Each structure stands twice: as C-alpha cells, then as structure tokens.
PDB file of all heavy atoms in Angstrom:
ATOM      1  N   ALA A   1    -220.874  74.743 -39.738  1.00  0.00           N
ATOM      2  CA  ALA A   1    -220.286  75.953 -40.322  1.00  0.00           C
ATOM      3  C   ALA A   1    -221.378  76.851 -40.903  1.00  0.00           C
ATOM      4  O   ALA A   1    -221.330  78.078 -40.767  1.00  0.00           O
ATOM      5  CB  ALA A   1    -219.285  75.575 -41.417  1.00  0.00           C
ATOM      6  N   VAL A   2    -222.413  76.252 -41.535  1.00  0.00           N
ATOM      7  CA  VAL A   2    -223.516  77.046 -42.091  1.00  0.00           C
ATOM      8  C   VAL A   2    -224.284  77.709 -40.949  1.00  0.00           C
ATOM      9  O   VAL A   2    -224.665  78.886 -41.024  1.00  0.00           O
ATOM     10  CB  VAL A   2    -224.471  76.166 -42.939  1.00  0.00           C
ATOM     11  CG1 VAL A   2    -225.614  77.002 -43.494  1.00  0.00           C
ATOM     12  CG2 VAL A   2    -223.712  75.520 -44.080  1.00  0.00           C
ATOM     13  N   ALA A   3    -224.485  76.948 -39.855  1.00  0.00           N
ATOM     14  CA  ALA A   3    -225.178  77.514 -38.683  1.00  0.00           C
ATOM     15  C   ALA A   3    -224.422  78.740 -38.171  1.00  0.00           C
ATOM     16  O   ALA A   3    -225.018  79.787 -37.876  1.00  0.00           O
ATOM     17  CB  ALA A   3    -225.287  76.456 -37.584  1.00  0.00           C
ATOM     18  N   ASP A   4    -223.096  78.636 -38.103  1.00  0.00           N
ATOM     19  CA  ASP A   4    -222.290  79.782 -37.636  1.00  0.00           C
ATOM     20  C   ASP A   4    -222.367  80.935 -38.637  1.00  0.00           C
ATOM     21  O   ASP A   4    -222.385  82.106 -38.246  1.00  0.00           O
ATOM     22  CB  ASP A   4    -220.813  79.374 -37.453  1.00  0.00           C
ATOM     23  CG  ASP A   4    -220.664  78.319 -36.358  1.00  0.00           C
ATOM     24  OD1 ASP A   4    -221.594  78.209 -35.529  1.00  0.00           O
ATOM     25  OD2 ASP A   4    -219.633  77.616 -36.342  1.00  0.00           O
ATOM     26  N   ALA A   5    -222.389  80.596 -39.927  1.00  0.00           N
ATOM     27  CA  ALA A   5    -222.375  81.637 -40.962  1.00  0.00           C
ATOM     28  C   ALA A   5    -223.617  82.519 -40.887  1.00  0.00           C
ATOM     29  O   ALA A   5    -223.543  83.720 -41.138  1.00  0.00           O
ATOM     30  CB  ALA A   5    -222.281  80.994 -42.344  1.00  0.00           C
ATOM     31  N   PHE A   6    -224.767  81.943 -40.510  1.00  0.00           N
ATOM     32  CA  PHE A   6    -225.997  82.734 -40.455  1.00  0.00           C
ATOM     33  C   PHE A   6    -225.938  83.836 -39.395  1.00  0.00           C
ATOM     34  O   PHE A   6    -226.697  84.799 -39.447  1.00  0.00           O
ATOM     35  CB  PHE A   6    -227.216  81.824 -40.215  1.00  0.00           C
ATOM     36  CG  PHE A   6    -227.825  81.337 -41.490  1.00  0.00           C
ATOM     37  CD1 PHE A   6    -227.450  80.124 -42.049  1.00  0.00           C
ATOM     38  CD2 PHE A   6    -228.767  82.095 -42.162  1.00  0.00           C
ATOM     39  CE1 PHE A   6    -227.999  79.678 -43.238  1.00  0.00           C
ATOM     40  CE2 PHE A   6    -229.324  81.653 -43.352  1.00  0.00           C
ATOM     41  CZ  PHE A   6    -228.938  80.445 -43.892  1.00  0.00           C
ATOM     42  N   GLU A   7    -225.028  83.659 -38.432  1.00  0.00           N
ATOM     43  CA  GLU A   7    -224.915  84.688 -37.382  1.00  0.00           C
ATOM     44  C   GLU A   7    -224.301  85.978 -37.921  1.00  0.00           C
ATOM     45  O   GLU A   7    -224.276  86.993 -37.241  1.00  0.00           O
ATOM     46  CB  GLU A   7    -224.051  84.169 -36.218  1.00  0.00           C
ATOM     47  CG  GLU A   7    -224.769  83.150 -35.367  1.00  0.00           C
ATOM     48  CD  GLU A   7    -223.957  82.762 -34.129  1.00  0.00           C
ATOM     49  OE1 GLU A   7    -222.869  83.336 -33.935  1.00  0.00           O
ATOM     50  OE2 GLU A   7    -224.416  81.903 -33.372  1.00  0.00           O
ATOM     51  N   VAL A   8    -223.796  85.939 -39.159  1.00  0.00           N
ATOM     52  CA  VAL A   8    -223.087  87.114 -39.686  1.00  0.00           C
ATOM     53  C   VAL A   8    -224.024  88.316 -39.823  1.00  0.00           C
ATOM     54  O   VAL A   8    -223.599  89.453 -39.643  1.00  0.00           O
ATOM     55  CB  VAL A   8    -222.407  86.800 -41.040  1.00  0.00           C
ATOM     56  CG1 VAL A   8    -223.412  86.685 -42.174  1.00  0.00           C
ATOM     57  CG2 VAL A   8    -221.394  87.868 -41.391  1.00  0.00           C
ATOM     58  N   ILE A   9    -225.308  88.079 -40.115  1.00  0.00           N
ATOM     59  CA  ILE A   9    -226.228  89.215 -40.326  1.00  0.00           C
ATOM     60  C   ILE A   9    -226.440  89.983 -39.014  1.00  0.00           C
ATOM     61  O   ILE A   9    -226.176  91.185 -38.958  1.00  0.00           O
ATOM     62  CB  ILE A   9    -227.571  88.748 -40.945  1.00  0.00           C
ATOM     63  CG1 ILE A   9    -227.335  88.038 -42.287  1.00  0.00           C
ATOM     64  CG2 ILE A   9    -228.542  89.917 -41.102  1.00  0.00           C
ATOM     65  CD1 ILE A   9    -226.871  88.909 -43.435  1.00  0.00           C
ATOM     66  N   PRO A  10    -226.893  89.295 -37.908  1.00  0.00           N
ATOM     67  CA  PRO A  10    -227.012  90.063 -36.657  1.00  0.00           C
ATOM     68  C   PRO A  10    -225.672  90.647 -36.203  1.00  0.00           C
ATOM     69  O   PRO A  10    -225.624  91.772 -35.715  1.00  0.00           O
ATOM     70  CB  PRO A  10    -227.568  89.044 -35.649  1.00  0.00           C
ATOM     71  CG  PRO A  10    -227.518  87.717 -36.294  1.00  0.00           C
ATOM     72  CD  PRO A  10    -227.441  87.931 -37.766  1.00  0.00           C
ATOM     73  N   ARG A  11    -224.574  89.906 -36.421  1.00  0.00           N
ATOM     74  CA  ARG A  11    -223.263  90.407 -35.976  1.00  0.00           C
ATOM     75  C   ARG A  11    -222.902  91.702 -36.703  1.00  0.00           C
ATOM     76  O   ARG A  11    -222.448  92.679 -36.109  1.00  0.00           O
ATOM     77  CB  ARG A  11    -222.184  89.349 -36.212  1.00  0.00           C
ATOM     78  CG  ARG A  11    -220.847  89.771 -35.565  1.00  0.00           C
ATOM     79  CD  ARG A  11    -219.678  88.874 -35.904  1.00  0.00           C
ATOM     80  NE  ARG A  11    -220.036  87.475 -36.043  1.00  0.00           N
ATOM     81  CZ  ARG A  11    -219.748  86.744 -37.121  1.00  0.00           C
ATOM     82  NH1 ARG A  11    -219.113  87.285 -38.159  1.00  0.00           N
ATOM     83  NH2 ARG A  11    -220.090  85.487 -37.176  1.00  0.00           N
ATOM     84  N   THR A  12    -223.136  91.701 -38.027  1.00  0.00           N
ATOM     85  CA  THR A  12    -222.807  92.897 -38.823  1.00  0.00           C
ATOM     86  C   THR A  12    -223.678  94.077 -38.400  1.00  0.00           C
ATOM     87  O   THR A  12    -223.214  95.209 -38.327  1.00  0.00           O
ATOM     88  CB  THR A  12    -223.015  92.604 -40.331  1.00  0.00           C
ATOM     89  OG1 THR A  12    -222.295  91.432 -40.664  1.00  0.00           O
ATOM     90  CG2 THR A  12    -222.523  93.733 -41.187  1.00  0.00           C
ATOM     91  N   LEU A  13    -224.960  93.799 -38.101  1.00  0.00           N
ATOM     92  CA  LEU A  13    -225.851  94.874 -37.638  1.00  0.00           C
ATOM     93  C   LEU A  13    -225.315  95.507 -36.360  1.00  0.00           C
ATOM     94  O   LEU A  13    -225.341  96.728 -36.189  1.00  0.00           O
ATOM     95  CB  LEU A  13    -227.259  94.333 -37.393  1.00  0.00           C
ATOM     96  CG  LEU A  13    -228.125  94.066 -38.633  1.00  0.00           C
ATOM     97  CD1 LEU A  13    -229.406  93.354 -38.234  1.00  0.00           C
ATOM     98  CD2 LEU A  13    -228.466  95.363 -39.343  1.00  0.00           C
ATOM     99  N   ILE A  14    -224.822  94.652 -35.443  1.00  0.00           N
ATOM    100  CA  ILE A  14    -224.276  95.172 -34.171  1.00  0.00           C
ATOM    101  C   ILE A  14    -223.010  95.983 -34.454  1.00  0.00           C
ATOM    102  O   ILE A  14    -222.831  97.092 -33.943  1.00  0.00           O
ATOM    103  CB  ILE A  14    -223.964  94.018 -33.181  1.00  0.00           C
ATOM    104  CG1 ILE A  14    -225.235  93.211 -32.876  1.00  0.00           C
ATOM    105  CG2 ILE A  14    -223.376  94.549 -31.886  1.00  0.00           C
ATOM    106  CD1 ILE A  14    -224.991  91.860 -32.224  1.00  0.00           C
ATOM    107  N   GLN A  15    -222.127  95.427 -35.297  1.00  0.00           N
ATOM    108  CA  GLN A  15    -220.853  96.105 -35.582  1.00  0.00           C
ATOM    109  C   GLN A  15    -221.080  97.457 -36.249  1.00  0.00           C
ATOM    110  O   GLN A  15    -220.414  98.433 -35.941  1.00  0.00           O
ATOM    111  CB  GLN A  15    -219.986  95.237 -36.509  1.00  0.00           C
ATOM    112  CG  GLN A  15    -219.333  94.074 -35.768  1.00  0.00           C
ATOM    113  CD  GLN A  15    -218.735  93.058 -36.732  1.00  0.00           C
ATOM    114  OE1 GLN A  15    -219.089  93.006 -37.899  1.00  0.00           O
ATOM    115  NE2 GLN A  15    -217.829  92.231 -36.232  1.00  0.00           N
ATOM    116  N   ASN A  16    -222.071  97.513 -37.176  1.00  0.00           N
ATOM    117  CA  ASN A  16    -222.279  98.754 -37.935  1.00  0.00           C
ATOM    118  C   ASN A  16    -222.791  99.898 -37.087  1.00  0.00           C
ATOM    119  O   ASN A  16    -222.710 101.050 -37.494  1.00  0.00           O
ATOM    120  CB  ASN A  16    -223.237  98.519 -39.111  1.00  0.00           C
ATOM    121  CG  ASN A  16    -222.542  97.800 -40.249  1.00  0.00           C
ATOM    122  OD1 ASN A  16    -221.345  97.565 -40.207  1.00  0.00           O
ATOM    123  ND2 ASN A  16    -223.291  97.433 -41.267  1.00  0.00           N
ATOM    124  N   CYS A  17    -223.390  99.581 -35.908  1.00  0.00           N
ATOM    125  CA  CYS A  17    -223.810 100.712 -35.072  1.00  0.00           C
ATOM    126  C   CYS A  17    -222.944 100.797 -33.810  1.00  0.00           C
ATOM    127  O   CYS A  17    -223.335 101.404 -32.810  1.00  0.00           O
ATOM    128  CB  CYS A  17    -225.293 100.641 -34.751  1.00  0.00           C
ATOM    129  SG  CYS A  17    -225.765  99.174 -33.896  1.00  0.00           S
ATOM    130  N   GLY A  18    -221.776 100.146 -33.873  1.00  0.00           N
ATOM    131  CA  GLY A  18    -220.780 100.336 -32.808  1.00  0.00           C
ATOM    132  C   GLY A  18    -221.064  99.580 -31.524  1.00  0.00           C
ATOM    133  O   GLY A  18    -220.581  99.973 -30.450  1.00  0.00           O
ATOM    134  N   GLY A  19    -221.830  98.475 -31.598  1.00  0.00           N
ATOM    135  CA  GLY A  19    -222.123  97.703 -30.378  1.00  0.00           C
ATOM    136  C   GLY A  19    -221.038  96.673 -30.089  1.00  0.00           C
ATOM    137  O   GLY A  19    -220.047  96.562 -30.808  1.00  0.00           O
ATOM    138  N   ASN A  20    -221.260  95.900 -29.033  1.00  0.00           N
ATOM    139  CA  ASN A  20    -220.308  94.855 -28.665  1.00  0.00           C
ATOM    140  C   ASN A  20    -220.836  93.514 -29.188  1.00  0.00           C
ATOM    141  O   ASN A  20    -221.718  92.912 -28.577  1.00  0.00           O
ATOM    142  CB  ASN A  20    -220.173  94.831 -27.137  1.00  0.00           C
ATOM    143  CG  ASN A  20    -219.218  93.743 -26.670  1.00  0.00           C
ATOM    144  OD1 ASN A  20    -218.892  92.817 -27.416  1.00  0.00           O
ATOM    145  ND2 ASN A  20    -218.762  93.855 -25.436  1.00  0.00           N
ATOM    146  N   PRO A  21    -220.297  93.030 -30.324  1.00  0.00           N
ATOM    147  CA  PRO A  21    -220.915  91.859 -30.973  1.00  0.00           C
ATOM    148  C   PRO A  21    -220.883  90.595 -30.124  1.00  0.00           C
ATOM    149  O   PRO A  21    -221.850  89.840 -30.102  1.00  0.00           O
ATOM    150  CB  PRO A  21    -220.114  91.672 -32.260  1.00  0.00           C
ATOM    151  CG  PRO A  21    -218.966  92.599 -32.206  1.00  0.00           C
ATOM    152  CD  PRO A  21    -219.198  93.579 -31.104  1.00  0.00           C
ATOM    153  N   ILE A  22    -219.793  90.354 -29.386  1.00  0.00           N
ATOM    154  CA  ILE A  22    -219.659  89.070 -28.681  1.00  0.00           C
ATOM    155  C   ILE A  22    -220.722  88.951 -27.589  1.00  0.00           C
ATOM    156  O   ILE A  22    -221.465  87.959 -27.511  1.00  0.00           O
ATOM    157  CB  ILE A  22    -218.240  88.919 -28.080  1.00  0.00           C
ATOM    158  CG1 ILE A  22    -217.227  88.885 -29.226  1.00  0.00           C
ATOM    159  CG2 ILE A  22    -218.145  87.651 -27.234  1.00  0.00           C
ATOM    160  CD1 ILE A  22    -215.789  88.935 -28.812  1.00  0.00           C
ATOM    161  N   ARG A  23    -220.845  90.004 -26.761  1.00  0.00           N
ATOM    162  CA  ARG A  23    -221.779  89.926 -25.633  1.00  0.00           C
ATOM    163  C   ARG A  23    -223.237  89.882 -26.130  1.00  0.00           C
ATOM    164  O   ARG A  23    -224.040  89.060 -25.691  1.00  0.00           O
ATOM    165  CB  ARG A  23    -221.560  91.123 -24.701  1.00  0.00           C
ATOM    166  CG  ARG A  23    -222.198  90.883 -23.332  1.00  0.00           C
ATOM    167  CD  ARG A  23    -221.842  91.915 -22.285  1.00  0.00           C
ATOM    168  NE  ARG A  23    -222.574  93.152 -22.504  1.00  0.00           N
ATOM    169  CZ  ARG A  23    -221.995  94.311 -22.773  1.00  0.00           C
ATOM    170  NH1 ARG A  23    -220.683  94.384 -22.870  1.00  0.00           N
ATOM    171  NH2 ARG A  23    -222.702  95.400 -22.951  1.00  0.00           N
ATOM    172  N   ILE A  24    -223.567  90.775 -27.078  1.00  0.00           N
ATOM    173  CA  ILE A  24    -224.970  90.871 -27.526  1.00  0.00           C
ATOM    174  C   ILE A  24    -225.387  89.615 -28.292  1.00  0.00           C
ATOM    175  O   ILE A  24    -226.511  89.131 -28.143  1.00  0.00           O
ATOM    176  CB  ILE A  24    -225.181  92.151 -28.375  1.00  0.00           C
ATOM    177  CG1 ILE A  24    -224.935  93.370 -27.493  1.00  0.00           C
ATOM    178  CG2 ILE A  24    -226.585  92.215 -28.948  1.00  0.00           C
ATOM    179  CD1 ILE A  24    -224.836  94.682 -28.204  1.00  0.00           C
ATOM    180  N   LEU A  25    -224.454  89.051 -29.094  1.00  0.00           N
ATOM    181  CA  LEU A  25    -224.791  87.821 -29.825  1.00  0.00           C
ATOM    182  C   LEU A  25    -225.056  86.667 -28.866  1.00  0.00           C
ATOM    183  O   LEU A  25    -225.956  85.855 -29.095  1.00  0.00           O
ATOM    184  CB  LEU A  25    -223.659  87.440 -30.779  1.00  0.00           C
ATOM    185  CG  LEU A  25    -223.779  87.946 -32.220  1.00  0.00           C
ATOM    186  CD1 LEU A  25    -222.631  87.431 -33.058  1.00  0.00           C
ATOM    187  CD2 LEU A  25    -225.090  87.514 -32.860  1.00  0.00           C
ATOM    188  N   ALA A  26    -224.280  86.606 -27.790  1.00  0.00           N
ATOM    189  CA  ALA A  26    -224.484  85.535 -26.795  1.00  0.00           C
ATOM    190  C   ALA A  26    -225.876  85.665 -26.181  1.00  0.00           C
ATOM    191  O   ALA A  26    -226.599  84.669 -26.017  1.00  0.00           O
ATOM    192  CB  ALA A  26    -223.399  85.618 -25.720  1.00  0.00           C
ATOM    193  N   GLN A  27    -226.275  86.917 -25.874  1.00  0.00           N
ATOM    194  CA  GLN A  27    -227.618  87.129 -25.292  1.00  0.00           C
ATOM    195  C   GLN A  27    -228.711  86.741 -26.311  1.00  0.00           C
ATOM    196  O   GLN A  27    -229.712  86.113 -25.951  1.00  0.00           O
ATOM    197  CB  GLN A  27    -227.800  88.612 -24.923  1.00  0.00           C
ATOM    198  CG  GLN A  27    -226.917  89.068 -23.771  1.00  0.00           C
ATOM    199  CD  GLN A  27    -226.921  90.597 -23.629  1.00  0.00           C
ATOM    200  OE1 GLN A  27    -227.535  91.308 -24.419  1.00  0.00           O
ATOM    201  NE2 GLN A  27    -226.206  91.090 -22.628  1.00  0.00           N
ATOM    202  N   LEU A  28    -228.484  87.104 -27.577  1.00  0.00           N
ATOM    203  CA  LEU A  28    -229.482  86.808 -28.616  1.00  0.00           C
ATOM    204  C   LEU A  28    -229.614  85.296 -28.824  1.00  0.00           C
ATOM    205  O   LEU A  28    -230.720  84.771 -28.960  1.00  0.00           O
ATOM    206  CB  LEU A  28    -229.063  87.482 -29.927  1.00  0.00           C
ATOM    207  CG  LEU A  28    -230.039  87.364 -31.100  1.00  0.00           C
ATOM    208  CD1 LEU A  28    -231.381  87.992 -30.755  1.00  0.00           C
ATOM    209  CD2 LEU A  28    -229.486  88.042 -32.350  1.00  0.00           C
ATOM    210  N   ARG A  29    -228.450  84.613 -28.783  1.00  0.00           N
ATOM    211  CA  ARG A  29    -228.469  83.156 -28.948  1.00  0.00           C
ATOM    212  C   ARG A  29    -229.279  82.514 -27.831  1.00  0.00           C
ATOM    213  O   ARG A  29    -230.073  81.591 -28.054  1.00  0.00           O
ATOM    214  CB  ARG A  29    -227.025  82.637 -28.919  1.00  0.00           C
ATOM    215  CG  ARG A  29    -226.767  81.523 -29.914  1.00  0.00           C
ATOM    216  CD  ARG A  29    -225.321  81.109 -29.947  1.00  0.00           C
ATOM    217  NE  ARG A  29    -224.470  81.997 -30.727  1.00  0.00           N
ATOM    218  CZ  ARG A  29    -223.376  82.592 -30.271  1.00  0.00           C
ATOM    219  NH1 ARG A  29    -222.977  82.393 -29.028  1.00  0.00           N
ATOM    220  NH2 ARG A  29    -222.662  83.374 -31.056  1.00  0.00           N
ATOM    221  N   ALA A  30    -229.098  83.020 -26.627  1.00  0.00           N
ATOM    222  CA  ALA A  30    -229.822  82.472 -25.457  1.00  0.00           C
ATOM    223  C   ALA A  30    -231.329  82.673 -25.623  1.00  0.00           C
ATOM    224  O   ALA A  30    -232.125  81.770 -25.355  1.00  0.00           O
ATOM    225  CB  ALA A  30    -229.326  83.155 -24.186  1.00  0.00           C
ATOM    226  N   LYS A  31    -231.717  83.870 -26.100  1.00  0.00           N
ATOM    227  CA  LYS A  31    -233.149  84.155 -26.299  1.00  0.00           C
ATOM    228  C   LYS A  31    -233.752  83.159 -27.300  1.00  0.00           C
ATOM    229  O   LYS A  31    -234.840  82.620 -27.081  1.00  0.00           O
ATOM    230  CB  LYS A  31    -233.329  85.565 -26.881  1.00  0.00           C
ATOM    231  CG  LYS A  31    -233.087  86.677 -25.886  1.00  0.00           C
ATOM    232  CD  LYS A  31    -234.366  87.019 -25.151  1.00  0.00           C
ATOM    233  CE  LYS A  31    -234.176  88.236 -24.266  1.00  0.00           C
ATOM    234  NZ  LYS A  31    -235.157  88.298 -23.190  1.00  0.00           N
ATOM    235  N   HIS A  32    -233.017  82.938 -28.403  1.00  0.00           N
ATOM    236  CA  HIS A  32    -233.534  82.032 -29.446  1.00  0.00           C
ATOM    237  C   HIS A  32    -233.552  80.584 -28.972  1.00  0.00           C
ATOM    238  O   HIS A  32    -234.451  79.830 -29.337  1.00  0.00           O
ATOM    239  CB  HIS A  32    -232.700  82.176 -30.727  1.00  0.00           C
ATOM    240  CG  HIS A  32    -233.139  83.332 -31.573  1.00  0.00           C
ATOM    241  ND1 HIS A  32    -234.019  83.216 -32.600  1.00  0.00           N
ATOM    242  CD2 HIS A  32    -232.811  84.649 -31.511  1.00  0.00           C
ATOM    243  CE1 HIS A  32    -234.233  84.408 -33.149  1.00  0.00           C
ATOM    244  NE2 HIS A  32    -233.496  85.292 -32.508  1.00  0.00           N
ATOM    245  N   ALA A  33    -232.568  80.199 -28.167  1.00  0.00           N
ATOM    246  CA  ALA A  33    -232.528  78.822 -27.654  1.00  0.00           C
ATOM    247  C   ALA A  33    -233.743  78.557 -26.768  1.00  0.00           C
ATOM    248  O   ALA A  33    -234.234  77.429 -26.682  1.00  0.00           O
ATOM    249  CB  ALA A  33    -231.232  78.601 -26.871  1.00  0.00           C
ATOM    250  N   ASN A  34    -234.269  79.636 -26.135  1.00  0.00           N
ATOM    251  CA  ASN A  34    -235.459  79.478 -25.286  1.00  0.00           C
ATOM    252  C   ASN A  34    -236.759  79.718 -26.057  1.00  0.00           C
ATOM    253  O   ASN A  34    -237.809  79.940 -25.466  1.00  0.00           O
ATOM    254  CB  ASN A  34    -235.399  80.447 -24.092  1.00  0.00           C
ATOM    255  CG  ASN A  34    -234.255  80.091 -23.155  1.00  0.00           C
ATOM    256  OD1 ASN A  34    -233.890  78.919 -23.050  1.00  0.00           O
ATOM    257  ND2 ASN A  34    -233.667  81.093 -22.524  1.00  0.00           N
ATOM    258  N   GLY A  35    -236.660  79.724 -27.383  1.00  0.00           N
ATOM    259  CA  GLY A  35    -237.883  79.804 -28.205  1.00  0.00           C
ATOM    260  C   GLY A  35    -238.307  81.206 -28.599  1.00  0.00           C
ATOM    261  O   GLY A  35    -239.358  81.366 -29.224  1.00  0.00           O
ATOM    262  N   GLY A  36    -237.525  82.243 -28.263  1.00  0.00           N
ATOM    263  CA  GLY A  36    -237.918  83.618 -28.631  1.00  0.00           C
ATOM    264  C   GLY A  36    -237.456  83.959 -30.028  1.00  0.00           C
ATOM    265  O   GLY A  36    -236.545  84.773 -30.207  1.00  0.00           O
ATOM    266  N   HIS A  37    -238.091  83.341 -31.054  1.00  0.00           N
ATOM    267  CA  HIS A  37    -237.537  83.505 -32.403  1.00  0.00           C
ATOM    268  C   HIS A  37    -237.855  84.845 -33.055  1.00  0.00           C
ATOM    269  O   HIS A  37    -237.495  85.084 -34.185  1.00  0.00           O
ATOM    270  CB  HIS A  37    -237.986  82.346 -33.319  1.00  0.00           C
ATOM    271  CG  HIS A  37    -239.466  82.204 -33.428  1.00  0.00           C
ATOM    272  ND1 HIS A  37    -240.123  81.098 -32.972  1.00  0.00           N
ATOM    273  CD2 HIS A  37    -240.403  83.040 -33.930  1.00  0.00           C
ATOM    274  CE1 HIS A  37    -241.421  81.248 -33.185  1.00  0.00           C
ATOM    275  NE2 HIS A  37    -241.615  82.416 -33.757  1.00  0.00           N
ATOM    276  N   THR A  38    -238.585  85.746 -32.343  1.00  0.00           N
ATOM    277  CA  THR A  38    -238.815  87.072 -32.940  1.00  0.00           C
ATOM    278  C   THR A  38    -237.824  88.093 -32.382  1.00  0.00           C
ATOM    279  O   THR A  38    -237.922  89.279 -32.691  1.00  0.00           O
ATOM    280  CB  THR A  38    -240.255  87.561 -32.667  1.00  0.00           C
ATOM    281  OG1 THR A  38    -240.496  87.518 -31.271  1.00  0.00           O
ATOM    282  CG2 THR A  38    -241.262  86.710 -33.406  1.00  0.00           C
ATOM    283  N   TRP A  39    -236.875  87.644 -31.563  1.00  0.00           N
ATOM    284  CA  TRP A  39    -235.896  88.594 -31.023  1.00  0.00           C
ATOM    285  C   TRP A  39    -234.807  88.861 -32.052  1.00  0.00           C
ATOM    286  O   TRP A  39    -234.313  87.947 -32.692  1.00  0.00           O
ATOM    287  CB  TRP A  39    -235.284  88.066 -29.728  1.00  0.00           C
ATOM    288  CG  TRP A  39    -236.227  88.243 -28.569  1.00  0.00           C
ATOM    289  CD1 TRP A  39    -237.277  87.440 -28.263  1.00  0.00           C
ATOM    290  CD2 TRP A  39    -236.232  89.301 -27.608  1.00  0.00           C
ATOM    291  NE1 TRP A  39    -237.949  87.918 -27.171  1.00  0.00           N
ATOM    292  CE2 TRP A  39    -237.321  89.064 -26.734  1.00  0.00           C
ATOM    293  CE3 TRP A  39    -235.419  90.426 -27.389  1.00  0.00           C
ATOM    294  CZ2 TRP A  39    -237.617  89.914 -25.665  1.00  0.00           C
ATOM    295  CZ3 TRP A  39    -235.721  91.264 -26.317  1.00  0.00           C
ATOM    296  CH2 TRP A  39    -236.809  91.006 -25.478  1.00  0.00           C
ATOM    297  N   GLY A  40    -234.465  90.142 -32.212  1.00  0.00           N
ATOM    298  CA  GLY A  40    -233.411  90.510 -33.164  1.00  0.00           C
ATOM    299  C   GLY A  40    -232.637  91.710 -32.644  1.00  0.00           C
ATOM    300  O   GLY A  40    -232.669  92.019 -31.453  1.00  0.00           O
ATOM    301  N   ILE A  41    -231.977  92.404 -33.552  1.00  0.00           N
ATOM    302  CA  ILE A  41    -231.110  93.519 -33.167  1.00  0.00           C
ATOM    303  C   ILE A  41    -231.773  94.840 -33.557  1.00  0.00           C
ATOM    304  O   ILE A  41    -232.279  94.982 -34.673  1.00  0.00           O
ATOM    305  CB  ILE A  41    -229.743  93.420 -33.905  1.00  0.00           C
ATOM    306  CG1 ILE A  41    -229.087  92.064 -33.653  1.00  0.00           C
ATOM    307  CG2 ILE A  41    -228.819  94.566 -33.514  1.00  0.00           C
ATOM    308  CD1 ILE A  41    -228.682  91.814 -32.228  1.00  0.00           C
ATOM    309  N   ASP A  42    -231.762  95.804 -32.639  1.00  0.00           N
ATOM    310  CA  ASP A  42    -232.167  97.166 -32.960  1.00  0.00           C
ATOM    311  C   ASP A  42    -230.977  97.816 -33.674  1.00  0.00           C
ATOM    312  O   ASP A  42    -229.960  98.109 -33.057  1.00  0.00           O
ATOM    313  CB  ASP A  42    -232.507  97.909 -31.655  1.00  0.00           C
ATOM    314  CG  ASP A  42    -232.805  99.384 -31.899  1.00  0.00           C
ATOM    315  OD1 ASP A  42    -232.469  99.873 -32.981  1.00  0.00           O
ATOM    316  OD2 ASP A  42    -233.362 100.034 -30.989  1.00  0.00           O
ATOM    317  N   GLY A  43    -231.121  98.004 -34.996  1.00  0.00           N
ATOM    318  CA  GLY A  43    -229.987  98.481 -35.799  1.00  0.00           C
ATOM    319  C   GLY A  43    -229.520  99.879 -35.458  1.00  0.00           C
ATOM    320  O   GLY A  43    -228.430 100.289 -35.851  1.00  0.00           O
ATOM    321  N   ASP A  44    -230.338 100.649 -34.717  1.00  0.00           N
ATOM    322  CA  ASP A  44    -229.919 102.008 -34.354  1.00  0.00           C
ATOM    323  C   ASP A  44    -229.077 102.017 -33.088  1.00  0.00           C
ATOM    324  O   ASP A  44    -228.111 102.758 -32.977  1.00  0.00           O
ATOM    325  CB  ASP A  44    -231.153 102.906 -34.136  1.00  0.00           C
ATOM    326  CG  ASP A  44    -231.787 103.297 -35.456  1.00  0.00           C
ATOM    327  OD1 ASP A  44    -231.024 103.676 -36.367  1.00  0.00           O
ATOM    328  OD2 ASP A  44    -233.015 103.216 -35.587  1.00  0.00           O
TER     329      ASP A  44
END
C-alpha cells in the first residue's frame, strides 16, 4: 500500500496538467523497472 501511495506525486503532476494518468504512469513504471530512476514527469 505504501508502494502504491508513492505514485500519487507523479499521478497528481499528470492530472494537474491535463494528461492521461493511467497510460503515462504505466510507461513511467516500466522505465523505472528497467533501472531508469531519473525518469519523471514534465509538469508542463
């Protein structure tokens, strides 16, 4: 549950600029699972 809760920050960033949270979060999760820990969300 804590692991899921941490996703709230990138999710909120996507929502606040009108993006599609489900699709973009899935892509971000995949990037991090492959070791790309500097990947994040462009808030604009």
